[in-house]
Amino acid sequence: MSKNAFTPHFKLKPRIANGNRAGLGSFPWHASLAIKYRNSPPDTVTFCSGSILNEKWILTPAQCIQGAYGIRVDIGSIDINKPLLSILPDAFTLHPQYDNDNLKFKNDIALLRLPENNKLDFSKSDGKYLPIRLPTRRQIDEEFIGQESYLSGFGYPSMHSTNVSEHLLFAEQVIIPNTACAAYYGNDLELVTDKVICSLSVNVRQGACMNDAGGPLVVNEYGTQTLVGLLSFVHEKGSCGRQATPAAFTRITKHFEWIEKVSGYQFRP
C-alpha cells in the first residue's frame, strides 16, 4: 500500500434511504471508510462501510478498495463527523480472485490491516466499538433464509441527496433464497452466485443507496448479531428505496478459508 493520503482527522462537509436512526452502541462493529482514489480529483472523498473483525482487521468489499491510495477508518460513533477513533490502515488485501468485469462483483471482499501501534483495545471502548461475530464452521452451508436481519450504513438518504447521511441509519431485512433473488436480476447466475446472499427490506421504502457499499448484513441469533454479508450491489430500479428489489451481499461463509489465511481469524467450530 502506498503512503496514505489522509491525515488522521478532517471535517466532512455536509443513509440507507429512509432508514431508522441507530442508537449509540447499537451497531458497534460498523466502521465508516473515507477513501481517495488515484483516478479521482485530490479533494474527492468516497465513502464505504466496513465491519470490525478483531483488534487488527476490518472487512469490506474489494470494490471499495481497488484503486485506493488513501483510506481512513472511523469507528465508535453514530455521527459520521464525530468518530471516536480515526485510524489509517497500513495495508490492505483484496481477494485474489476479485473480478468486477462486466459488473459481476465476483469475490467482492477485502481486508484492511490496522497498524500494530494502533490496534483496537475493546476494553476501553465502553461498548462503542466491538468486533462482529462471524458464523461457525457448522454454518458454512447455512442460507439464513427468513431470519431477522439488519443492514446499517451512512449512505445517501435518498436518490436526490447530494451527500452521505451524518447519522448512522439501519433497515430491517429479510433474507430470501438466491433463486428468488436471481429472478430480479434476469436470472443471471454469473451475478447471483452461491457466493452471494440477498435480502429485501421489510419496509419497502427503505433500501441501500449510494455510498452504502460494504454495509454489514447481520442476523439476530438468540440476541447476538452474526455477520453474514457485505453489501455488494443493488438493482438500479430498487436502489434508495424506490422499488422493492433485493440487495445483494458478499456471502461471508463462502470466504472462510481466505479470511482465515489473511487475518489468522479463528472460526468457531
Foldseek 3Di string as FASTA:
>chain_A
DADAPDDQADADPAFQAVFAFDDQLRQQQKKKKWWDFPPDPPVDTFIEIWGAAFQWKIKFFQVVVVRTRHMKIFGLDQFQRDGPGIFTFPDKAQDPPQDCVVHQRPSGMMMTTTDPVRTDDVVPSPSSHDHAAADFLVCLVPQQAFFWKKWKDQQDNAPPDDHTHRGIGMFIKGWHDLCVQCVVVVVPCSRSDPQKTKIWTPPLQGGAAGNHFQTFMWGQDPNGTHTFWTFDDWPPCRHSSNGTHITMTGGPSVCVVVCCVPPVDDHHD
